Amino acid sequence: MITRRTAGSVIVGSWVCCIGWAVARQVTRPPEAYLEARKTRLAPGAAFYQITLGGAPMGNAGITLDTTLAGYRLTEVWNMDLTRARDVERYVFRSDADLSRSLLLRKLSLTMSEAGSPRLIEAEAGNDTTWDITLKRPGSRAVSLSPIEAPQTASAAVALPFRLVLEGRLREGGRTSLPVVAVMYGTLDHDSAVVTRDSIFSVADSAAWDSTASTWKPVAARAVQAWRVERTVHGFPSIDWIDAQGRLIQRDWAFGLRLVRSPFEINYNMYQARLRQGELKPPANVPGFMSRRLLPGLPDSMKQVFVARLARADGPAWDDAVRAFEGGRQAVNGDTVTIRAEPVPDRLAVLVRRAARLGRDPVTVFIDLAGAAGFTVRRVSGIDLARPELPSHTWVEVQDGQRWIAVDPVYGQAPASVSLLRVVVGGSDRPLLLVPLIGSLTSTTLVTQ
């Protein structure tokens, strides 16, 4: 016979078990489930930005977050203007990232138009760890590019601030990191971020036309709390200021490029009007803007050592910013980089010279030849420090044991000139890839021998 005491004990015991189960489930559930439970903290919306280099306006940008049935779509658009001779050339970048509710990447489309030459790159998960990459150009057939190996937890670089919000880490001392499918470079990056402090910004997201002054002026400015986030983007340091919704307020790159949130009417309508009227002149002679192949002469392949001091046009580089260039044949000490030539095996030098004689794309030809010969190779992009223009260039590094040997199939040089500074692994000598990273970088040659 069940007494009241027994029934009460059963009820209390069952209640304790249920509470224990709920606590255990909360503590042990995976990060994806935790992010899923917090998804309502991400609200759709758009923010617009002015792009400046060394304080000079050079374009505008926008980041839009939309909700979908399966999660989110995050769109980032850049319009970047650069001056070549008397003309202004526009470079347009747009990325559309389809994300799950926990901000895991499902599909990524990049549209790039450089000086009026458009192309589309699409990345889509082929299986659990491989992303299939396709290049499309108007009037041409789609071309499959080298796939990118990435874990299921991979995301897009533009999603990192929102991930801080979802994880509840947007507070002093908060940290996060994630693998990033960097389709522009054809590589897998690992971006990290740490929140250092907070501050208050005055932000205006709308503007009104002032007929007296014939200009747009910001209105309804409000005080917004933002957090300072130190992060790495493609290996280079940057500082973000992010509001409580994960929206960017300001971003500074180590070498002078800046994004500042401002009303659309000011950073687009007014900017375009001033550009047409000749009141604005976008920056010229920007490092990485001009291709080395458009300049006369060959890189000097006879020197064995090249030492240069790197800085910004508006002052010294950030502490440890030059450290981003370290690796391979490049050694960094403070703000100084030393590049040394490595001996090249004869059979590798033969392939370099052969690739230089074949086809319109010697780098791709060499990568195919070297891969077939059993070498591990990677495409790299950077600038020529020996030229005052600091022009962009693409070459190849070949793994030989614990070292990477630089060779230049474009000019048939093995080893490659020691004046070539690698900026990124992957990519190509295109302004959209290099200018945001190296901005107003300057170089002072200290030693060549």
Protein backbone atom coordinates (compact mmCIF):
# COMPACT_ATOMS: atom_id res chain seq x y z
CA MET A 1 0.00 0.00 0.00
CA ILE A 2 1.35 3.37 -1.03
CA THR A 3 1.41 5.91 1.75
CA ARG A 4 1.48 9.69 1.41
CA ARG A 5 5.11 9.66 2.53
CA THR A 6 6.07 7.22 -0.24
CA ALA A 7 4.14 9.14 -2.90
CA GLY A 8 5.72 12.41 -1.80
CA SER A 9 9.21 10.88 -1.90
CA VAL A 10 8.59 9.57 -5.44
CA ILE A 11 7.38 12.98 -6.62
CA VAL A 12 10.32 14.84 -5.06
CA GLY A 13 12.79 12.28 -6.38
CA SER A 14 11.35 12.53 -9.89
CA TRP A 15 11.55 16.33 -9.73
CA VAL A 16 15.22 16.21 -8.64
CA CYS A 17 16.03 13.77 -11.48
CA CYS A 18 14.35 16.03 -14.04
CA ILE A 19 16.27 19.08 -12.79
CA GLY A 20 19.54 17.12 -12.90
CA TRP A 21 18.83 15.94 -16.44
CA ALA A 22 18.04 19.48 -17.59
CA VAL A 23 21.26 20.84 -16.04
CA ALA A 24 23.35 18.05 -17.59
CA ARG A 25 21.79 18.68 -20.99
CA GLN A 26 22.53 22.41 -20.74
CA VAL A 27 26.17 21.85 -19.73
CA THR A 28 27.05 19.05 -22.15
CA ARG A 29 25.20 20.07 -25.28
CA PRO A 30 27.46 20.84 -28.30
CA PRO A 31 28.37 24.43 -29.30
CA GLU A 32 26.08 24.21 -32.35
CA ALA A 33 23.08 23.57 -30.12
CA TYR A 34 24.10 26.48 -27.87
CA LEU A 35 24.29 28.78 -30.87
CA GLU A 36 20.93 27.51 -32.11
CA ALA A 37 19.28 28.44 -28.83
CA ARG A 38 20.62 32.01 -29.08
CA LYS A 39 19.76 32.60 -32.74
CA THR A 40 17.01 35.08 -31.95
CA ARG A 41 19.68 37.61 -30.94
CA LEU A 42 20.58 38.18 -34.60
CA ALA A 43 18.23 40.65 -36.22
CA PRO A 44 18.20 41.38 -39.97
CA GLY A 45 19.42 44.77 -41.11
CA ALA A 46 22.01 46.69 -43.14
CA ALA A 47 24.89 49.03 -42.36
CA PHE A 48 26.92 51.22 -44.72
CA TYR A 49 30.52 52.40 -44.57
CA GLN A 50 33.00 54.85 -46.04
CA ILE A 51 36.33 53.36 -47.15
CA THR A 52 39.40 55.52 -46.61
CA LEU A 53 43.12 54.95 -47.11
CA GLY A 54 45.43 57.14 -45.06
CA GLY A 55 42.42 59.40 -44.42
CA ALA A 56 41.59 59.85 -48.13
CA PRO A 57 38.15 58.61 -49.31
CA MET A 58 38.41 55.76 -51.81
CA GLY A 59 34.96 54.15 -51.91
CA ASN A 60 32.09 52.71 -49.92
CA ALA A 61 30.87 49.40 -48.55
CA GLY A 62 27.80 47.73 -47.10
CA ILE A 63 27.04 44.65 -44.99
CA THR A 64 23.49 43.20 -44.95
CA LEU A 65 22.13 40.38 -42.82
CA ASP A 66 18.91 38.67 -43.98
CA THR A 67 17.06 35.70 -42.54
CA THR A 68 16.24 32.65 -44.68
CA LEU A 69 14.29 29.46 -44.11
CA ALA A 70 17.51 27.58 -43.34
CA GLY A 71 19.38 30.32 -41.45
CA TYR A 72 20.93 33.57 -42.69
CA ARG A 73 22.30 35.24 -45.79
CA LEU A 74 25.17 37.63 -45.17
CA THR A 75 26.03 40.00 -48.05
CA GLU A 76 29.12 42.21 -48.19
CA VAL A 77 29.70 44.75 -50.98
CA TRP A 78 32.78 46.88 -51.63
CA ASN A 79 33.18 49.66 -54.21
CA MET A 80 36.85 50.66 -54.25
CA ASP A 81 38.19 53.45 -56.47
CA LEU A 82 41.85 53.91 -57.40
CA THR A 83 43.50 56.49 -59.66
CA ARG A 84 45.61 55.35 -62.63
CA ALA A 85 47.15 58.25 -64.56
CA ARG A 86 44.18 60.61 -65.11
CA ASP A 87 41.50 57.95 -64.89
CA VAL A 88 39.63 56.52 -61.91
CA GLU A 89 39.22 52.74 -61.98
CA ARG A 90 36.48 51.07 -59.95
CA TYR A 91 36.92 47.67 -58.30
CA VAL A 92 33.74 45.98 -57.07
CA PHE A 93 33.56 43.02 -54.70
CA ARG A 94 30.40 41.27 -53.52
CA SER A 95 30.10 38.16 -51.39
CA ASP A 96 26.87 36.29 -50.61
CA ALA A 97 27.28 33.75 -47.80
CA ASP A 98 24.46 31.31 -47.05
CA LEU A 99 24.80 30.31 -43.40
CA SER A 100 23.05 27.91 -41.06
CA ARG A 101 21.33 29.18 -37.91
CA SER A 102 24.60 28.56 -36.06
CA LEU A 103 26.52 30.56 -38.74
CA LEU A 104 28.16 27.56 -40.42
CA LEU A 105 28.86 28.15 -44.10
CA ARG A 106 26.70 26.33 -46.63
CA LYS A 107 27.41 28.21 -49.86
CA LEU A 108 29.53 31.21 -50.84
CA SER A 109 29.34 33.27 -54.03
CA LEU A 110 31.84 35.99 -54.91
CA THR A 111 31.35 38.51 -57.71
CA MET A 112 34.33 40.66 -58.63
CA SER A 113 34.57 43.36 -61.26
CA GLU A 114 38.02 44.85 -61.72
CA ALA A 115 38.19 47.85 -64.04
CA GLY A 116 35.04 46.61 -65.83
CA SER A 117 36.05 42.94 -66.12
CA PRO A 118 33.51 40.87 -64.14
CA ARG A 119 33.88 37.30 -62.90
CA LEU A 120 31.96 35.07 -60.52
CA ILE A 121 33.45 32.50 -58.16
CA GLU A 122 31.14 30.04 -56.40
CA ALA A 123 32.01 27.70 -53.55
CA GLU A 124 29.70 24.92 -52.45
CA ALA A 125 30.25 21.97 -50.14
CA GLY A 126 30.90 18.87 -52.26
CA ASN A 127 31.07 16.53 -49.27
CA ASP A 128 31.83 16.77 -45.57
CA THR A 129 35.31 18.31 -45.98
CA THR A 130 35.69 19.45 -49.60
CA TRP A 131 34.45 22.68 -51.15
CA ASP A 132 34.05 22.67 -54.94
CA ILE A 133 35.14 25.98 -56.52
CA THR A 134 33.81 27.20 -59.89
CA LEU A 135 34.92 30.25 -61.88
CA LYS A 136 32.48 31.87 -64.32
CA ARG A 137 33.08 34.72 -66.75
CA PRO A 138 30.51 36.34 -69.08
CA GLY A 139 30.48 34.57 -72.45
CA SER A 140 32.75 31.75 -71.25
CA ARG A 141 32.19 28.26 -69.93
CA ALA A 142 32.46 27.63 -66.19
CA VAL A 143 35.88 26.41 -65.07
CA SER A 144 36.49 24.20 -62.05
CA LEU A 145 39.30 25.45 -59.80
CA SER A 146 41.28 23.59 -57.16
CA PRO A 147 38.95 22.49 -54.33
CA ILE A 148 39.44 23.73 -50.76
CA GLU A 149 39.63 21.25 -47.90
CA ALA A 150 37.67 22.64 -44.94
CA PRO A 151 35.98 21.19 -41.84
CA GLN A 152 32.21 21.21 -41.35
CA THR A 153 32.64 24.06 -38.83
CA ALA A 154 33.97 26.44 -41.52
CA SER A 155 32.35 29.86 -41.95
CA ALA A 156 32.96 33.19 -43.71
CA ALA A 157 35.23 35.96 -42.39
CA VAL A 158 32.38 38.49 -42.42
CA ALA A 159 30.43 36.26 -39.98
CA LEU A 160 32.99 36.42 -37.15
CA PRO A 161 31.51 39.51 -35.37
CA PHE A 162 28.04 37.93 -35.39
CA ARG A 163 29.50 34.71 -34.02
CA LEU A 164 30.85 36.64 -31.02
CA VAL A 165 27.28 37.74 -30.30
CA LEU A 166 25.77 34.27 -30.73
CA GLU A 167 28.37 32.70 -28.45
CA GLY A 168 27.81 35.34 -25.78
CA ARG A 169 31.48 36.35 -25.96
CA LEU A 170 31.06 40.04 -26.83
CA ARG A 171 32.50 41.14 -23.50
CA GLU A 172 35.95 42.07 -22.23
CA GLY A 173 38.21 39.02 -22.48
CA GLY A 174 35.88 37.16 -24.83
CA ARG A 175 37.59 35.07 -27.50
CA THR A 176 36.60 33.08 -30.56
CA SER A 177 38.19 31.53 -33.64
CA LEU A 178 36.90 29.77 -36.69
CA PRO A 179 38.14 28.22 -39.94
CA VAL A 180 37.27 30.45 -42.90
CA VAL A 181 36.79 29.39 -46.52
CA ALA A 182 38.79 32.14 -48.27
CA VAL A 183 37.57 31.67 -51.83
CA MET A 184 39.32 34.82 -53.09
CA TYR A 185 42.65 33.25 -52.18
CA GLY A 186 41.71 29.61 -52.78
CA THR A 187 42.77 28.68 -49.24
CA LEU A 188 41.45 27.80 -45.78
CA ASP A 189 42.24 30.52 -43.24
CA HIS A 190 41.94 30.48 -39.46
CA ASP A 191 40.60 33.80 -38.15
CA SER A 192 40.72 34.60 -34.44
CA ALA A 193 39.41 37.46 -32.29
CA VAL A 194 39.72 38.74 -28.74
CA VAL A 195 37.54 41.45 -27.14
CA THR A 196 39.68 43.95 -25.20
CA ARG A 197 37.35 46.74 -23.99
CA ASP A 198 34.20 48.75 -24.74
CA SER A 199 33.47 52.38 -25.54
CA ILE A 200 30.66 54.69 -26.67
CA PHE A 201 30.31 55.89 -30.28
CA SER A 202 28.01 58.51 -31.78
CA VAL A 203 26.41 56.80 -34.77
CA ALA A 204 24.03 58.23 -37.39
CA ASP A 205 22.52 55.74 -39.85
CA SER A 206 20.44 58.26 -41.81
CA ALA A 207 20.93 61.68 -43.40
CA ALA A 208 18.81 64.62 -44.58
CA TRP A 209 19.35 66.97 -47.51
CA ASP A 210 20.43 70.46 -46.51
CA SER A 211 19.18 72.67 -49.35
CA THR A 212 21.04 75.70 -48.01
CA ALA A 213 24.42 74.00 -48.10
CA SER A 214 23.42 71.68 -50.99
CA THR A 215 24.74 68.65 -49.19
CA TRP A 216 23.67 65.63 -47.15
CA LYS A 217 24.05 65.90 -43.38
CA PRO A 218 23.73 63.13 -40.77
CA VAL A 219 20.66 63.23 -38.55
CA ALA A 220 19.37 61.41 -35.47
CA ALA A 221 22.81 60.47 -34.17
CA ARG A 222 22.65 58.17 -31.16
CA ALA A 223 25.06 56.87 -28.56
CA VAL A 224 25.99 53.24 -29.24
CA GLN A 225 28.03 50.96 -26.99
CA ALA A 226 30.69 49.09 -28.97
CA TRP A 227 33.43 46.60 -28.16
CA ARG A 228 37.00 46.70 -29.42
CA VAL A 229 37.89 43.41 -31.09
CA GLU A 230 41.46 42.59 -32.08
CA ARG A 231 41.39 40.02 -34.86
CA THR A 232 43.34 38.57 -37.73
CA VAL A 233 42.05 38.66 -41.32
CA HIS A 234 44.01 36.48 -43.75
CA GLY A 235 46.90 36.56 -41.29
CA PHE A 236 46.96 40.37 -40.96
CA PRO A 237 45.93 42.23 -37.78
CA SER A 238 42.91 44.50 -37.71
CA ILE A 239 40.85 46.26 -35.04
CA ASP A 240 37.05 46.15 -35.17
CA TRP A 241 34.52 48.09 -33.13
CA ILE A 242 31.30 46.04 -32.93
CA ASP A 243 27.90 46.92 -31.46
CA ALA A 244 25.69 44.60 -29.39
CA GLN A 245 24.02 43.21 -32.55
CA GLY A 246 27.34 42.23 -34.13
CA ARG A 247 27.27 45.07 -36.63
CA LEU A 248 30.55 46.71 -37.49
CA ILE A 249 30.96 50.38 -36.52
CA GLN A 250 34.60 50.83 -37.54
CA ARG A 251 37.46 48.66 -38.79
CA ASP A 252 41.15 49.57 -39.09
CA TRP A 253 43.71 47.46 -40.93
CA ALA A 254 47.35 47.53 -39.87
CA PHE A 255 48.52 49.37 -42.99
CA GLY A 256 46.07 52.25 -43.16
CA LEU A 257 42.77 51.08 -44.69
CA ARG A 258 39.66 52.01 -42.66
CA LEU A 259 35.91 51.37 -42.78
CA VAL A 260 33.71 53.87 -40.90
CA ARG A 261 29.95 53.47 -40.52
CA SER A 262 27.98 56.37 -41.97
CA PRO A 263 24.63 57.03 -43.69
CA PHE A 264 24.16 55.64 -47.20
CA GLU A 265 23.31 59.08 -48.58
CA ILE A 266 26.70 60.42 -47.46
CA ASN A 267 29.06 57.57 -48.24
CA TYR A 268 27.42 56.74 -51.59
CA ASN A 269 25.25 59.53 -53.03
CA MET A 270 27.45 62.42 -51.91
CA TYR A 271 30.66 60.50 -52.60
CA GLN A 272 29.57 59.72 -56.18
CA ALA A 273 28.54 63.33 -56.79
CA ARG A 274 31.86 64.71 -55.56
CA LEU A 275 33.71 62.09 -57.63
CA ARG A 276 31.87 63.08 -60.83
CA GLN A 277 32.48 66.78 -60.18
CA GLY A 278 36.20 66.22 -59.68
CA GLU A 279 36.13 67.37 -56.04
CA LEU A 280 37.53 63.99 -54.94
CA LYS A 281 40.61 62.23 -56.25
CA PRO A 282 40.96 58.64 -55.02
CA PRO A 283 44.44 57.51 -53.94
CA ALA A 284 47.06 56.82 -56.62
CA ASN A 285 50.31 54.80 -56.54
CA VAL A 286 48.82 52.36 -54.03
CA PRO A 287 51.00 49.30 -53.27
CA GLY A 288 49.70 46.23 -55.08
CA PHE A 289 47.59 48.27 -57.52
CA MET A 290 49.81 47.91 -60.59
CA SER A 291 50.87 44.50 -61.92
CA ARG A 292 54.63 43.82 -62.16
CA ARG A 293 54.07 42.35 -65.63
CA LEU A 294 53.05 45.78 -66.95
CA LEU A 295 56.43 47.30 -66.06
CA PRO A 296 59.58 47.02 -68.19
CA GLY A 297 62.55 44.85 -67.25
CA LEU A 298 62.86 41.73 -65.12
CA PRO A 299 63.13 41.34 -61.34
CA ASP A 300 66.78 41.10 -60.25
CA SER A 301 67.44 37.38 -59.71
CA MET A 302 71.20 37.74 -59.07
CA LYS A 303 70.99 39.15 -55.53
CA GLN A 304 71.02 36.68 -52.62
CA VAL A 305 69.76 38.91 -49.77
CA PHE A 306 67.26 41.76 -49.61
CA VAL A 307 66.58 43.69 -46.38
CA ALA A 308 63.88 46.38 -46.12
CA ARG A 309 62.14 48.39 -43.42
CA LEU A 310 58.34 48.40 -43.75
CA ALA A 311 56.09 51.21 -42.51
CA ARG A 312 52.88 53.09 -43.36
CA ALA A 313 52.71 56.23 -45.46
CA ASP A 314 51.18 58.04 -42.47
CA GLY A 315 53.60 56.70 -39.85
CA PRO A 316 55.20 53.56 -38.44
CA ALA A 317 53.46 50.21 -38.79
CA TRP A 318 51.54 48.78 -35.84
CA ASP A 319 53.51 46.77 -33.33
CA ASP A 320 53.97 43.24 -34.70
CA ALA A 321 52.11 44.12 -37.94
CA VAL A 322 55.17 43.26 -40.01
CA ARG A 323 55.10 39.83 -38.32
CA ALA A 324 52.34 38.91 -40.78
CA PHE A 325 55.00 38.62 -43.51
CA GLU A 326 57.12 36.06 -41.65
CA GLY A 327 57.46 32.55 -43.05
CA GLY A 328 59.22 30.66 -45.80
CA ARG A 329 62.31 32.55 -46.93
CA GLN A 330 61.12 35.76 -45.16
CA ALA A 331 62.43 36.54 -41.66
CA VAL A 332 61.11 39.46 -39.59
CA ASN A 333 62.82 41.46 -36.86
CA GLY A 334 60.70 44.35 -35.57
CA ASP A 335 59.74 46.43 -38.62
CA THR A 336 62.45 44.89 -40.82
CA VAL A 337 62.06 41.96 -43.19
CA THR A 338 64.98 39.93 -44.58
CA ILE A 339 64.50 37.80 -47.71
CA ARG A 340 67.17 35.23 -48.62
CA ALA A 341 67.50 33.16 -51.78
CA GLU A 342 67.33 29.37 -51.42
CA PRO A 343 69.22 26.94 -53.70
CA VAL A 344 66.94 25.29 -56.28
CA PRO A 345 67.34 21.65 -57.40
CA ASP A 346 68.23 21.34 -61.08
CA ARG A 347 65.14 19.34 -62.05
CA LEU A 348 62.93 21.99 -60.48
CA ALA A 349 64.74 24.80 -62.33
CA VAL A 350 64.13 22.94 -65.60
CA LEU A 351 60.38 22.90 -64.90
CA VAL A 352 60.40 26.64 -64.13
CA ARG A 353 62.05 27.48 -67.46
CA ARG A 354 59.73 25.11 -69.31
CA ALA A 355 56.61 26.69 -67.79
CA ALA A 356 57.87 30.16 -68.76
CA ARG A 357 57.91 29.05 -72.41
CA LEU A 358 54.47 27.39 -72.38
CA GLY A 359 51.01 28.93 -72.31
CA ARG A 360 49.63 32.29 -71.24
CA ASP A 361 49.57 31.39 -67.54
CA PRO A 362 53.07 30.20 -66.56
CA VAL A 363 52.17 29.93 -62.85
CA THR A 364 49.31 27.49 -63.47
CA VAL A 365 51.37 25.56 -66.02
CA PHE A 366 54.23 25.20 -63.52
CA ILE A 367 51.89 24.09 -60.72
CA ASP A 368 50.58 21.33 -63.01
CA LEU A 369 54.07 20.27 -64.13
CA ALA A 370 55.53 20.29 -60.61
CA GLY A 371 52.54 18.44 -59.19
CA ALA A 372 52.88 15.74 -61.83
CA ALA A 373 56.58 15.46 -60.91
CA GLY A 374 55.71 14.82 -57.25
CA PHE A 375 56.41 18.28 -55.78
CA THR A 376 54.18 20.01 -53.22
CA VAL A 377 53.56 23.54 -54.48
CA ARG A 378 51.52 26.60 -53.56
CA ARG A 379 50.68 29.81 -55.39
CA VAL A 380 51.67 33.01 -53.54
CA SER A 381 51.05 36.69 -54.22
CA GLY A 382 52.84 39.82 -53.11
CA ILE A 383 54.78 42.88 -54.24
CA ASP A 384 58.20 43.77 -55.67
CA LEU A 385 60.02 45.87 -53.07
CA ALA A 386 62.75 46.86 -55.54
CA ARG A 387 60.33 48.94 -57.62
CA PRO A 388 59.10 52.34 -56.38
CA GLU A 389 55.55 51.44 -57.50
CA LEU A 390 55.56 48.36 -55.21
CA PRO A 391 53.75 46.45 -57.99
CA SER A 392 51.87 43.20 -57.42
CA HIS A 393 53.10 39.84 -58.65
CA THR A 394 52.26 36.13 -58.40
CA TRP A 395 54.81 33.34 -58.16
CA VAL A 396 55.15 29.86 -56.61
CA GLU A 397 56.69 28.27 -53.52
CA VAL A 398 57.80 24.63 -53.63
CA GLN A 399 58.21 22.53 -50.49
CA ASP A 400 61.61 20.92 -50.03
CA GLY A 401 61.74 19.17 -46.67
CA GLN A 402 61.14 21.81 -43.97
CA ARG A 403 61.67 24.79 -46.27
CA TRP A 404 59.72 26.51 -49.03
CA ILE A 405 61.68 27.48 -52.15
CA ALA A 406 60.42 30.50 -54.13
CA VAL A 407 60.50 30.25 -57.94
CA ASP A 408 59.08 32.58 -60.55
CA PRO A 409 57.61 30.84 -63.63
CA VAL A 410 56.42 34.18 -65.06
CA TYR A 411 60.01 35.27 -65.69
CA GLY A 412 61.59 31.79 -65.70
CA GLN A 413 63.67 32.58 -62.60
CA ALA A 414 64.80 29.91 -60.12
CA PRO A 415 65.14 31.06 -57.41
CA ALA A 416 62.72 33.97 -57.59
CA SER A 417 64.08 37.47 -57.01
CA VAL A 418 64.70 38.22 -53.33
CA SER A 419 62.95 41.57 -53.79
CA LEU A 420 59.59 39.76 -54.05
CA LEU A 421 57.73 40.03 -50.72
CA ARG A 422 55.05 37.39 -50.20
CA VAL A 423 51.84 38.93 -48.79
CA VAL A 424 49.39 36.02 -49.00
CA VAL A 425 49.40 32.35 -49.84
CA GLY A 426 47.07 31.81 -52.78
CA GLY A 427 45.24 34.52 -54.67
CA SER A 428 46.72 36.51 -57.53
CA ASP A 429 48.17 39.93 -58.29
CA ARG A 430 44.81 41.72 -58.14
CA PRO A 431 44.11 44.99 -56.28
CA LEU A 432 40.96 43.61 -54.64
CA LEU A 433 43.06 40.96 -52.92
CA LEU A 434 46.16 42.94 -51.92
CA VAL A 435 45.16 46.59 -51.36
CA PRO A 436 42.95 45.98 -48.27
CA LEU A 437 45.79 44.06 -46.60
CA ILE A 438 48.79 46.28 -47.34
CA GLY A 439 47.03 49.65 -47.84
CA SER A 440 49.58 52.46 -47.60
CA LEU A 441 52.61 50.24 -46.94
CA THR A 442 56.01 51.83 -47.66
CA SER A 443 59.38 50.16 -48.05
CA THR A 444 62.89 51.46 -47.43
CA THR A 445 65.67 49.28 -48.83
CA LEU A 446 68.48 48.73 -46.29
CA VAL A 447 70.64 45.96 -47.80
CA THR A 448 70.93 44.21 -51.17
CA GLN A 449 73.75 41.81 -51.89
